[in-house]
Amino acid sequence: MPYHYIALLIAIVAETIGTMALQASQQFTKPLPAVITVVFYGASFYFMAQALRVMPVGVVYAIWSGLGIVLIAGFGFVIFGQRLDVPAVIGLGLIITGIVVIQLYSTASPH
């Protein structure tokens, strides 16, 4: 797998961890989760910048935000017991479909 995809994957995972820690920080009132949030968001932006060396910003951001949304929704369900209704699940499926279309058919994305 090319480095820019690995960097983007790391950015997505780091952003997901940062967002989960943000929820756990209870609006930055708990110090450890607050520090984890800042560190992982910083790492996310660093690795996203590495992906931007090769990939267009629109494609990087679409994949970063789309997969981040799907992962956060999944972890929110598993960790925090947050339920998703049918329209939310359909919407998440459409996000995944959009990312697949970009990766398979877009000439703006390096394959």
PDB file of N, CA and C in Angstrom:
ATOM      1  N   MET A   1       0.848  -1.174   0.000  1.00  0.00           N
ATOM      2  CA  MET A   1       0.000   0.000   0.000  1.00  0.00           C
ATOM      3  C   MET A   1       0.893   1.237   0.000  1.00  0.00           C
ATOM      4  N   PRO A   2       0.631   2.191  -0.896  1.00  0.00           N
ATOM      5  CA  PRO A   2       1.466   3.404  -0.961  1.00  0.00           C
ATOM      6  C   PRO A   2       1.408   4.212   0.346  1.00  0.00           C
ATOM      7  N   TYR A   3       2.512   4.924   0.613  1.00  0.00           N
ATOM      8  CA  TYR A   3       2.644   5.672   1.865  1.00  0.00           C
ATOM      9  C   TYR A   3       1.506   6.667   2.080  1.00  0.00           C
ATOM     10  N   HIS A   4       1.033   7.346   1.016  1.00  0.00           N
ATOM     11  CA  HIS A   4      -0.009   8.356   1.221  1.00  0.00           C
ATOM     12  C   HIS A   4      -1.305   7.726   1.725  1.00  0.00           C
ATOM     13  N   TYR A   5      -1.593   6.503   1.329  1.00  0.00           N
ATOM     14  CA  TYR A   5      -2.780   5.823   1.853  1.00  0.00           C
ATOM     15  C   TYR A   5      -2.569   5.392   3.301  1.00  0.00           C
ATOM     16  N   ILE A   6      -1.374   4.954   3.639  1.00  0.00           N
ATOM     17  CA  ILE A   6      -1.068   4.589   5.024  1.00  0.00           C
ATOM     18  C   ILE A   6      -1.164   5.830   5.914  1.00  0.00           C
ATOM     19  N   ALA A   7      -0.595   6.947   5.441  1.00  0.00           N
ATOM     20  CA  ALA A   7      -0.676   8.196   6.199  1.00  0.00           C
ATOM     21  C   ALA A   7      -2.126   8.621   6.393  1.00  0.00           C
ATOM     22  N   LEU A   8      -2.945   8.488   5.352  1.00  0.00           N
ATOM     23  CA  LEU A   8      -4.350   8.862   5.455  1.00  0.00           C
ATOM     24  C   LEU A   8      -5.083   7.945   6.433  1.00  0.00           C
ATOM     25  N   LEU A   9      -4.789   6.665   6.388  1.00  0.00           N
ATOM     26  CA  LEU A   9      -5.411   5.723   7.325  1.00  0.00           C
ATOM     27  C   LEU A   9      -5.029   6.052   8.768  1.00  0.00           C
ATOM     28  N   ILE A  10      -3.750   6.369   8.994  1.00  0.00           N
ATOM     29  CA  ILE A  10      -3.310   6.762  10.341  1.00  0.00           C
ATOM     30  C   ILE A  10      -4.029   8.032  10.774  1.00  0.00           C
ATOM     31  N   ALA A  11      -4.178   8.985   9.849  1.00  0.00           N
ATOM     32  CA  ALA A  11      -4.880  10.237  10.160  1.00  0.00           C
ATOM     33  C   ALA A  11      -6.322   9.969  10.576  1.00  0.00           C
ATOM     34  N   ILE A  12      -6.978   9.062   9.883  1.00  0.00           N
ATOM     35  CA  ILE A  12      -8.376   8.740  10.176  1.00  0.00           C
ATOM     36  C   ILE A  12      -8.498   8.066  11.548  1.00  0.00           C
ATOM     37  N   VAL A  13      -7.625   7.120  11.814  1.00  0.00           N
ATOM     38  CA  VAL A  13      -7.661   6.422  13.108  1.00  0.00           C
ATOM     39  C   VAL A  13      -7.342   7.405  14.243  1.00  0.00           C
ATOM     40  N   ALA A  14      -6.343   8.270  14.038  1.00  0.00           N
ATOM     41  CA  ALA A  14      -5.985   9.249  15.070  1.00  0.00           C
ATOM     42  C   ALA A  14      -7.140  10.217  15.331  1.00  0.00           C
ATOM     43  N   GLU A  15      -7.803  10.651  14.278  1.00  0.00           N
ATOM     44  CA  GLU A  15      -8.944  11.560  14.438  1.00  0.00           C
ATOM     45  C   GLU A  15     -10.081  10.864  15.177  1.00  0.00           C
ATOM     46  N   THR A  16     -10.290   9.603  14.892  1.00  0.00           N
ATOM     47  CA  THR A  16     -11.342   8.837  15.568  1.00  0.00           C
ATOM     48  C   THR A  16     -11.030   8.695  17.057  1.00  0.00           C
ATOM     49  N   ILE A  17      -9.793   8.380  17.380  1.00  0.00           N
ATOM     50  CA  ILE A  17      -9.394   8.272  18.795  1.00  0.00           C
ATOM     51  C   ILE A  17      -9.541   9.632  19.478  1.00  0.00           C
ATOM     52  N   GLY A  18      -9.122  10.688  18.795  1.00  0.00           N
ATOM     53  CA  GLY A  18      -9.255  12.027  19.359  1.00  0.00           C
ATOM     54  C   GLY A  18     -10.701  12.397  19.633  1.00  0.00           C
ATOM     55  N   THR A  19     -11.577  12.041  18.731  1.00  0.00           N
ATOM     56  CA  THR A  19     -12.992  12.358  18.915  1.00  0.00           C
ATOM     57  C   THR A  19     -13.606  11.533  20.043  1.00  0.00           C
ATOM     58  N   MET A  20     -13.229  10.274  20.143  1.00  0.00           N
ATOM     59  CA  MET A  20     -13.726   9.455  21.258  1.00  0.00           C
ATOM     60  C   MET A  20     -13.219  10.020  22.589  1.00  0.00           C
ATOM     61  N   ALA A  21     -11.974  10.464  22.614  1.00  0.00           N
ATOM     62  CA  ALA A  21     -11.432  11.070  23.835  1.00  0.00           C
ATOM     63  C   ALA A  21     -12.123  12.397  24.131  1.00  0.00           C
ATOM     64  N   LEU A  22     -12.506  13.133  23.088  1.00  0.00           N
ATOM     65  CA  LEU A  22     -13.230  14.382  23.284  1.00  0.00           C
ATOM     66  C   LEU A  22     -14.551  14.122  23.998  1.00  0.00           C
ATOM     67  N   GLN A  23     -15.248  13.083  23.583  1.00  0.00           N
ATOM     68  CA  GLN A  23     -16.497  12.699  24.259  1.00  0.00           C
ATOM     69  C   GLN A  23     -16.211  12.321  25.707  1.00  0.00           C
ATOM     70  N   ALA A  24     -15.154  11.562  25.922  1.00  0.00           N
ATOM     71  CA  ALA A  24     -14.808  11.113  27.275  1.00  0.00           C
ATOM     72  C   ALA A  24     -14.296  12.258  28.155  1.00  0.00           C
ATOM     73  N   SER A  25     -13.792  13.325  27.547  1.00  0.00           N
ATOM     74  CA  SER A  25     -13.256  14.446  28.333  1.00  0.00           C
ATOM     75  C   SER A  25     -14.348  15.281  28.987  1.00  0.00           C
ATOM     76  N   GLN A  26     -15.598  15.043  28.587  1.00  0.00           N
ATOM     77  CA  GLN A  26     -16.743  15.786  29.113  1.00  0.00           C
ATOM     78  C   GLN A  26     -16.491  17.293  29.039  1.00  0.00           C
ATOM     79  N   GLN A  27     -16.354  17.764  27.780  1.00  0.00           N
ATOM     80  CA  GLN A  27     -16.126  19.169  27.467  1.00  0.00           C
ATOM     81  C   GLN A  27     -14.830  19.703  28.102  1.00  0.00           C
ATOM     82  N   PHE A  28     -13.771  18.904  28.030  1.00  0.00           N
ATOM     83  CA  PHE A  28     -12.442  19.246  28.522  1.00  0.00           C
ATOM     84  C   PHE A  28     -12.401  19.442  30.041  1.00  0.00           C
ATOM     85  N   THR A  29     -13.271  18.768  30.776  1.00  0.00           N
ATOM     86  CA  THR A  29     -13.240  18.852  32.233  1.00  0.00           C
ATOM     87  C   THR A  29     -12.427  17.712  32.851  1.00  0.00           C
ATOM     88  N   LYS A  30     -12.111  16.687  32.054  1.00  0.00           N
ATOM     89  CA  LYS A  30     -11.264  15.592  32.528  1.00  0.00           C
ATOM     90  C   LYS A  30      -9.920  15.705  31.812  1.00  0.00           C
ATOM     91  N   PRO A  31      -8.828  15.928  32.562  1.00  0.00           N
ATOM     92  CA  PRO A  31      -7.539  16.254  31.941  1.00  0.00           C
ATOM     93  C   PRO A  31      -6.961  15.187  31.008  1.00  0.00           C
ATOM     94  N   LEU A  32      -6.955  13.926  31.413  1.00  0.00           N
ATOM     95  CA  LEU A  32      -6.321  12.907  30.571  1.00  0.00           C
ATOM     96  C   LEU A  32      -7.011  12.763  29.217  1.00  0.00           C
ATOM     97  N   PRO A  33      -8.324  12.595  29.170  1.00  0.00           N
ATOM     98  CA  PRO A  33      -8.966  12.535  27.855  1.00  0.00           C
ATOM     99  C   PRO A  33      -8.789  13.825  27.048  1.00  0.00           C
ATOM    100  N   ALA A  34      -8.717  14.959  27.719  1.00  0.00           N
ATOM    101  CA  ALA A  34      -8.508  16.230  27.017  1.00  0.00           C
ATOM    102  C   ALA A  34      -7.132  16.260  26.348  1.00  0.00           C
ATOM    103  N   VAL A  35      -6.106  15.792  27.062  1.00  0.00           N
ATOM    104  CA  VAL A  35      -4.757  15.736  26.493  1.00  0.00           C
ATOM    105  C   VAL A  35      -4.711  14.744  25.331  1.00  0.00           C
ATOM    106  N   ILE A  36      -5.358  13.597  25.498  1.00  0.00           N
ATOM    107  CA  ILE A  36      -5.416  12.600  24.415  1.00  0.00           C
ATOM    108  C   ILE A  36      -6.075  13.218  23.180  1.00  0.00           C
ATOM    109  N   THR A  37      -7.128  13.987  23.382  1.00  0.00           N
ATOM    110  CA  THR A  37      -7.807  14.646  22.264  1.00  0.00           C
ATOM    111  C   THR A  37      -6.853  15.526  21.483  1.00  0.00           C
ATOM    112  N   VAL A  38      -6.140  16.388  22.183  1.00  0.00           N
ATOM    113  CA  VAL A  38      -5.234  17.331  21.524  1.00  0.00           C
ATOM    114  C   VAL A  38      -4.108  16.599  20.803  1.00  0.00           C
ATOM    115  N   VAL A  39      -3.515  15.601  21.447  1.00  0.00           N
ATOM    116  CA  VAL A  39      -2.400  14.853  20.848  1.00  0.00           C
ATOM    117  C   VAL A  39      -2.854  14.110  19.589  1.00  0.00           C
ATOM    118  N   PHE A  40      -3.993  13.441  19.667  1.00  0.00           N
ATOM    119  CA  PHE A  40      -4.433  12.647  18.522  1.00  0.00           C
ATOM    120  C   PHE A  40      -4.972  13.513  17.383  1.00  0.00           C
ATOM    121  N   TYR A  41      -5.594  14.646  17.702  1.00  0.00           N
ATOM    122  CA  TYR A  41      -5.976  15.560  16.621  1.00  0.00           C
ATOM    123  C   TYR A  41      -4.730  16.119  15.931  1.00  0.00           C
ATOM    124  N   GLY A  42      -3.708  16.452  16.721  1.00  0.00           N
ATOM    125  CA  GLY A  42      -2.453  16.922  16.129  1.00  0.00           C
ATOM    126  C   GLY A  42      -1.833  15.876  15.214  1.00  0.00           C
ATOM    127  N   ALA A  43      -1.807  14.628  15.678  1.00  0.00           N
ATOM    128  CA  ALA A  43      -1.272  13.542  14.850  1.00  0.00           C
ATOM    129  C   ALA A  43      -2.116  13.358  13.593  1.00  0.00           C
ATOM    130  N   SER A  44      -3.415  13.478  13.736  1.00  0.00           N
ATOM    131  CA  SER A  44      -4.300  13.329  12.582  1.00  0.00           C
ATOM    132  C   SER A  44      -3.987  14.360  11.510  1.00  0.00           C
ATOM    133  N   PHE A  45      -3.853  15.620  11.914  1.00  0.00           N
ATOM    134  CA  PHE A  45      -3.562  16.670  10.931  1.00  0.00           C
ATOM    135  C   PHE A  45      -2.178  16.501  10.316  1.00  0.00           C
ATOM    136  N   TYR A  46      -1.203  16.042  11.106  1.00  0.00           N
ATOM    137  CA  TYR A  46       0.128  15.792  10.553  1.00  0.00           C
ATOM    138  C   TYR A  46       0.072  14.728   9.460  1.00  0.00           C
ATOM    139  N   PHE A  47      -0.567  13.600   9.748  1.00  0.00           N
ATOM    140  CA  PHE A  47      -0.614  12.523   8.761  1.00  0.00           C
ATOM    141  C   PHE A  47      -1.518  12.867   7.579  1.00  0.00           C
ATOM    142  N   MET A  48      -2.550  13.660   7.818  1.00  0.00           N
ATOM    143  CA  MET A  48      -3.360  14.108   6.689  1.00  0.00           C
ATOM    144  C   MET A  48      -2.517  15.002   5.771  1.00  0.00           C
ATOM    145  N   ALA A  49      -1.661  15.828   6.356  1.00  0.00           N
ATOM    146  CA  ALA A  49      -0.771  16.670   5.556  1.00  0.00           C
ATOM    147  C   ALA A  49       0.165  15.824   4.701  1.00  0.00           C
ATOM    148  N   GLN A  50       0.588  14.681   5.231  1.00  0.00           N
ATOM    149  CA  GLN A  50       1.453  13.795   4.446  1.00  0.00           C
ATOM    150  C   GLN A  50       0.713  13.234   3.239  1.00  0.00           C
ATOM    151  N   ALA A  51      -0.552  12.868   3.424  1.00  0.00           N
ATOM    152  CA  ALA A  51      -1.357  12.372   2.304  1.00  0.00           C
ATOM    153  C   ALA A  51      -1.575  13.470   1.267  1.00  0.00           C
ATOM    154  N   LEU A  52      -1.659  14.726   1.731  1.00  0.00           N
ATOM    155  CA  LEU A  52      -1.883  15.847   0.814  1.00  0.00           C
ATOM    156  C   LEU A  52      -0.692  16.115  -0.106  1.00  0.00           C
ATOM    157  N   ARG A  53       0.448  15.529   0.180  1.00  0.00           N
ATOM    158  CA  ARG A  53       1.603  15.671  -0.719  1.00  0.00           C
ATOM    159  C   ARG A  53       1.338  15.035  -2.080  1.00  0.00           C
ATOM    160  N   VAL A  54       0.463  14.028  -2.097  1.00  0.00           N
ATOM    161  CA  VAL A  54       0.207  13.272  -3.321  1.00  0.00           C
ATOM    162  C   VAL A  54      -1.241  13.404  -3.792  1.00  0.00           C
ATOM    163  N   MET A  55      -2.158  13.488  -2.851  1.00  0.00           N
ATOM    164  CA  MET A  55      -3.578  13.448  -3.181  1.00  0.00           C
ATOM    165  C   MET A  55      -4.189  14.850  -3.118  1.00  0.00           C
ATOM    166  N   PRO A  56      -5.219  15.111  -3.925  1.00  0.00           N
ATOM    167  CA  PRO A  56      -5.895  16.406  -3.871  1.00  0.00           C
ATOM    168  C   PRO A  56      -6.646  16.593  -2.546  1.00  0.00           C
ATOM    169  N   VAL A  57      -6.713  17.828  -2.084  1.00  0.00           N
ATOM    170  CA  VAL A  57      -7.318  18.120  -0.791  1.00  0.00           C
ATOM    171  C   VAL A  57      -8.780  17.669  -0.727  1.00  0.00           C
ATOM    172  N   GLY A  58      -9.526  17.813  -1.799  1.00  0.00           N
ATOM    173  CA  GLY A  58     -10.934  17.404  -1.785  1.00  0.00           C
ATOM    174  C   GLY A  58     -11.096  15.911  -1.588  1.00  0.00           C
ATOM    175  N   VAL A  59     -10.246  15.136  -2.225  1.00  0.00           N
ATOM    176  CA  VAL A  59     -10.312  13.676  -2.096  1.00  0.00           C
ATOM    177  C   VAL A  59      -9.862  13.256  -0.698  1.00  0.00           C
ATOM    178  N   VAL A  60      -8.751  13.831  -0.229  1.00  0.00           N
ATOM    179  CA  VAL A  60      -8.254  13.499   1.112  1.00  0.00           C
ATOM    180  C   VAL A  60      -9.315  13.821   2.154  1.00  0.00           C
ATOM    181  N   TYR A  61      -9.896  15.003   2.057  1.00  0.00           N
ATOM    182  CA  TYR A  61     -10.872  15.410   3.071  1.00  0.00           C
ATOM    183  C   TYR A  61     -12.139  14.570   2.995  1.00  0.00           C
ATOM    184  N   ALA A  62     -12.549  14.217   1.796  1.00  0.00           N
ATOM    185  CA  ALA A  62     -13.745  13.375   1.651  1.00  0.00           C
ATOM    186  C   ALA A  62     -13.528  12.016   2.305  1.00  0.00           C
ATOM    187  N   ILE A  63     -12.380  11.411   2.066  1.00  0.00           N
ATOM    188  CA  ILE A  63     -12.090  10.100   2.653  1.00  0.00           C
ATOM    189  C   ILE A  63     -11.896  10.221   4.162  1.00  0.00           C
ATOM    190  N   TRP A  64     -11.120  11.230   4.582  1.00  0.00           N
ATOM    191  CA  TRP A  64     -10.828  11.449   6.006  1.00  0.00           C
ATOM    192  C   TRP A  64     -12.106  11.669   6.796  1.00  0.00           C
ATOM    193  N   SER A  65     -12.927  12.577   6.324  1.00  0.00           N
ATOM    194  CA  SER A  65     -14.144  12.884   7.074  1.00  0.00           C
ATOM    195  C   SER A  65     -15.173  11.754   6.955  1.00  0.00           C
ATOM    196  N   GLY A  66     -15.308  11.178   5.768  1.00  0.00           N
ATOM    197  CA  GLY A  66     -16.291  10.118   5.568  1.00  0.00           C
ATOM    198  C   GLY A  66     -16.010   8.891   6.399  1.00  0.00           C
ATOM    199  N   LEU A  67     -14.786   8.387   6.307  1.00  0.00           N
ATOM    200  CA  LEU A  67     -14.461   7.201   7.111  1.00  0.00           C
ATOM    201  C   LEU A  67     -14.445   7.523   8.593  1.00  0.00           C
ATOM    202  N   GLY A  68     -14.034   8.748   8.936  1.00  0.00           N
ATOM    203  CA  GLY A  68     -14.071   9.166  10.333  1.00  0.00           C
ATOM    204  C   GLY A  68     -15.485   9.137  10.883  1.00  0.00           C
ATOM    205  N   ILE A  69     -16.442   9.637  10.097  1.00  0.00           N
ATOM    206  CA  ILE A  69     -17.844   9.628  10.515  1.00  0.00           C
ATOM    207  C   ILE A  69     -18.322   8.197  10.753  1.00  0.00           C
ATOM    208  N   VAL A  70     -18.004   7.320   9.828  1.00  0.00           N
ATOM    209  CA  VAL A  70     -18.450   5.927   9.949  1.00  0.00           C
ATOM    210  C   VAL A  70     -17.812   5.261  11.167  1.00  0.00           C
ATOM    211  N   LEU A  71     -16.511   5.452  11.362  1.00  0.00           N
ATOM    212  CA  LEU A  71     -15.838   4.850  12.522  1.00  0.00           C
ATOM    213  C   LEU A  71     -16.376   5.403  13.832  1.00  0.00           C
ATOM    214  N   ILE A  72     -16.568   6.719  13.895  1.00  0.00           N
ATOM    215  CA  ILE A  72     -17.059   7.336  15.127  1.00  0.00           C
ATOM    216  C   ILE A  72     -18.473   6.848  15.446  1.00  0.00           C
ATOM    217  N   ALA A  73     -19.301   6.735  14.425  1.00  0.00           N
ATOM    218  CA  ALA A  73     -20.657   6.214  14.650  1.00  0.00           C
ATOM    219  C   ALA A  73     -20.595   4.783  15.180  1.00  0.00           C
ATOM    220  N   GLY A  74     -19.706   3.975  14.616  1.00  0.00           N
ATOM    221  CA  GLY A  74     -19.557   2.590  15.085  1.00  0.00           C
ATOM    222  C   GLY A  74     -19.045   2.518  16.507  1.00  0.00           C
ATOM    223  N   PHE A  75     -18.008   3.286  16.808  1.00  0.00           N
ATOM    224  CA  PHE A  75     -17.475   3.283  18.171  1.00  0.00           C
ATOM    225  C   PHE A  75     -18.457   3.907  19.154  1.00  0.00           C
ATOM    226  N   GLY A  76     -19.198   4.925  18.709  1.00  0.00           N
ATOM    227  CA  GLY A  76     -20.221   5.515  19.570  1.00  0.00           C
ATOM    228  C   GLY A  76     -21.259   4.485  19.971  1.00  0.00           C
ATOM    229  N   PHE A  77     -21.599   3.626  19.032  1.00  0.00           N
ATOM    230  CA  PHE A  77     -22.551   2.551  19.311  1.00  0.00           C
ATOM    231  C   PHE A  77     -21.954   1.551  20.298  1.00  0.00           C
ATOM    232  N   VAL A  78     -20.721   1.098  20.033  1.00  0.00           N
ATOM    233  CA  VAL A  78     -20.092   0.055  20.845  1.00  0.00           C
ATOM    234  C   VAL A  78     -19.682   0.578  22.223  1.00  0.00           C
ATOM    235  N   ILE A  79     -19.045   1.742  22.272  1.00  0.00           N
ATOM    236  CA  ILE A  79     -18.471   2.233  23.532  1.00  0.00           C
ATOM    237  C   ILE A  79     -19.483   3.011  24.371  1.00  0.00           C
ATOM    238  N   PHE A  80     -20.254   3.898  23.717  1.00  0.00           N
ATOM    239  CA  PHE A  80     -21.146   4.786  24.456  1.00  0.00           C
ATOM    240  C   PHE A  80     -22.617   4.367  24.385  1.00  0.00           C
ATOM    241  N   GLY A  81     -22.908   3.277  23.674  1.00  0.00           N
ATOM    242  CA  GLY A  81     -24.275   2.799  23.574  1.00  0.00           C
ATOM    243  C   GLY A  81     -25.201   3.705  22.789  1.00  0.00           C
ATOM    244  N   GLN A  82     -24.631   4.525  21.900  1.00  0.00           N
ATOM    245  CA  GLN A  82     -25.439   5.437  21.100  1.00  0.00           C
ATOM    246  C   GLN A  82     -26.079   4.671  19.951  1.00  0.00           C
ATOM    247  N   ARG A  83     -27.380   4.749  19.856  1.00  0.00           N
ATOM    248  CA  ARG A  83     -28.135   4.011  18.841  1.00  0.00           C
ATOM    249  C   ARG A  83     -28.258   4.808  17.556  1.00  0.00           C
ATOM    250  N   LEU A  84     -28.309   4.093  16.447  1.00  0.00           N
ATOM    251  CA  LEU A  84     -28.521   4.694  15.133  1.00  0.00           C
ATOM    252  C   LEU A  84     -29.854   4.203  14.583  1.00  0.00           C
ATOM    253  N   ASP A  85     -30.641   5.122  14.044  1.00  0.00           N
ATOM    254  CA  ASP A  85     -31.893   4.712  13.414  1.00  0.00           C
ATOM    255  C   ASP A  85     -31.630   4.349  11.952  1.00  0.00           C
ATOM    256  N   VAL A  86     -32.661   3.861  11.283  1.00  0.00           N
ATOM    257  CA  VAL A  86     -32.518   3.389   9.896  1.00  0.00           C
ATOM    258  C   VAL A  86     -32.006   4.491   8.967  1.00  0.00           C
ATOM    259  N   PRO A  87     -32.544   5.730   9.024  1.00  0.00           N
ATOM    260  CA  PRO A  87     -31.997   6.768   8.141  1.00  0.00           C
ATOM    261  C   PRO A  87     -30.506   7.034   8.374  1.00  0.00           C
ATOM    262  N   ALA A  88     -30.065   6.968   9.630  1.00  0.00           N
ATOM    263  CA  ALA A  88     -28.644   7.172   9.921  1.00  0.00           C
ATOM    264  C   ALA A  88     -27.795   6.061   9.311  1.00  0.00           C
ATOM    265  N   VAL A  89     -28.241   4.824   9.415  1.00  0.00           N
ATOM    266  CA  VAL A  89     -27.508   3.692   8.842  1.00  0.00           C
ATOM    267  C   VAL A  89     -27.460   3.812   7.319  1.00  0.00           C
ATOM    268  N   ILE A  90     -28.576   4.205   6.719  1.00  0.00           N
ATOM    269  CA  ILE A  90     -28.603   4.404   5.265  1.00  0.00           C
ATOM    270  C   ILE A  90     -27.625   5.509   4.875  1.00  0.00           C
ATOM    271  N   GLY A  91     -27.631   6.596   5.612  1.00  0.00           N
ATOM    272  CA  GLY A  91     -26.699   7.691   5.336  1.00  0.00           C
ATOM    273  C   GLY A  91     -25.247   7.264   5.439  1.00  0.00           C
ATOM    274  N   LEU A  92     -24.920   6.484   6.457  1.00  0.00           N
ATOM    275  CA  LEU A  92     -23.550   5.974   6.607  1.00  0.00           C
ATOM    276  C   LEU A  92     -23.190   5.062   5.441  1.00  0.00           C
ATOM    277  N   GLY A  93     -24.149   4.266   4.990  1.00  0.00           N
ATOM    278  CA  GLY A  93     -23.914   3.418   3.815  1.00  0.00           C
ATOM    279  C   GLY A  93     -23.644   4.252   2.570  1.00  0.00           C
ATOM    280  N   LEU A  94     -24.348   5.363   2.427  1.00  0.00           N
ATOM    281  CA  LEU A  94     -24.121   6.251   1.283  1.00  0.00           C
ATOM    282  C   LEU A  94     -22.729   6.899   1.346  1.00  0.00           C
ATOM    283  N   ILE A  95     -22.284   7.219   2.551  1.00  0.00           N
ATOM    284  CA  ILE A  95     -20.931   7.772   2.704  1.00  0.00           C
ATOM    285  C   ILE A  95     -19.903   6.749   2.240  1.00  0.00           C
ATOM    286  N   ILE A  96     -20.048   5.513   2.687  1.00  0.00           N
ATOM    287  CA  ILE A  96     -19.123   4.449   2.273  1.00  0.00           C
ATOM    288  C   ILE A  96     -19.176   4.259   0.762  1.00  0.00           C
ATOM    289  N   THR A  97     -20.369   4.272   0.197  1.00  0.00           N
ATOM    290  CA  THR A  97     -20.524   4.143  -1.255  1.00  0.00           C
ATOM    291  C   THR A  97     -19.787   5.268  -1.970  1.00  0.00           C
ATOM    292  N   GLY A  98     -19.915   6.486  -1.467  1.00  0.00           N
ATOM    293  CA  GLY A  98     -19.223   7.614  -2.072  1.00  0.00           C
ATOM    294  C   GLY A  98     -17.716   7.460  -2.050  1.00  0.00           C
ATOM    295  N   ILE A  99     -17.176   6.971  -0.954  1.00  0.00           N
ATOM    296  CA  ILE A  99     -15.731   6.759  -0.848  1.00  0.00           C
ATOM    297  C   ILE A  99     -15.283   5.681  -1.829  1.00  0.00           C
ATOM    298  N   VAL A 100     -16.055   4.628  -1.955  1.00  0.00           N
ATOM    299  CA  VAL A 100     -15.722   3.559  -2.912  1.00  0.00           C
ATOM    300  C   VAL A 100     -15.741   4.097  -4.337  1.00  0.00           C
ATOM    301  N   VAL A 101     -16.742   4.899  -4.675  1.00  0.00           N
ATOM    302  CA  VAL A 101     -16.821   5.476  -6.020  1.00  0.00           C
ATOM    303  C   VAL A 101     -15.596   6.350  -6.304  1.00  0.00           C
ATOM    304  N   ILE A 102     -15.201   7.176  -5.334  1.00  0.00           N
ATOM    305  CA  ILE A 102     -14.009   8.012  -5.515  1.00  0.00           C
ATOM    306  C   ILE A 102     -12.788   7.142  -5.777  1.00  0.00           C
ATOM    307  N   GLN A 103     -12.625   6.111  -4.975  1.00  0.00           N
ATOM    308  CA  GLN A 103     -11.428   5.266  -5.100  1.00  0.00           C
ATOM    309  C   GLN A 103     -11.411   4.445  -6.385  1.00  0.00           C
ATOM    310  N   LEU A 104     -12.561   3.999  -6.816  1.00  0.00           N
ATOM    311  CA  LEU A 104     -12.586   3.137  -8.008  1.00  0.00           C
ATOM    312  C   LEU A 104     -12.642   3.910  -9.315  1.00  0.00           C
ATOM    313  N   TYR A 105     -13.293   5.064  -9.332  1.00  0.00           N
ATOM    314  CA  TYR A 105     -13.572   5.696 -10.612  1.00  0.00           C
ATOM    315  C   TYR A 105     -13.023   7.097 -10.793  1.00  0.00           C
ATOM    316  N   SER A 106     -12.597   7.764  -9.747  1.00  0.00           N
ATOM    317  CA  SER A 106     -12.145   9.138  -9.890  1.00  0.00           C
ATOM    318  C   SER A 106     -10.715   9.191 -10.414  1.00  0.00           C
ATOM    319  N   THR A 107     -10.484  10.035 -11.393  1.00  0.00           N
ATOM    320  CA  THR A 107      -9.120  10.235 -11.875  1.00  0.00           C
ATOM    321  C   THR A 107      -8.375  11.237 -10.981  1.00  0.00           C
ATOM    322  N   ALA A 108      -9.099  11.902 -10.061  1.00  0.00           N
ATOM    323  CA  ALA A 108      -8.456  12.843  -9.140  1.00  0.00           C
ATOM    324  C   ALA A 108      -7.731  12.111  -8.018  1.00  0.00           C
ATOM    325  N   SER A 109      -8.051  10.850  -7.808  1.00  0.00           N
ATOM    326  CA  SER A 109      -7.444  10.063  -6.748  1.00  0.00           C
ATOM    327  C   SER A 109      -6.382   9.136  -7.330  1.00  0.00           C
ATOM    328  N   PRO A 110      -5.136   9.208  -6.816  1.00  0.00           N
ATOM    329  CA  PRO A 110      -4.108   8.293  -7.321  1.00  0.00           C
ATOM    330  C   PRO A 110      -4.447   6.851  -6.917  1.00  0.00           C
ATOM    331  N   HIS A 111      -4.388   5.941  -7.856  1.00  0.00           N
ATOM    332  CA  HIS A 111      -4.736   4.537  -7.572  1.00  0.00           C
ATOM    333  C   HIS A 111      -3.497   3.678  -7.536  1.00  0.00           C
TER     334      HIS A 111
END
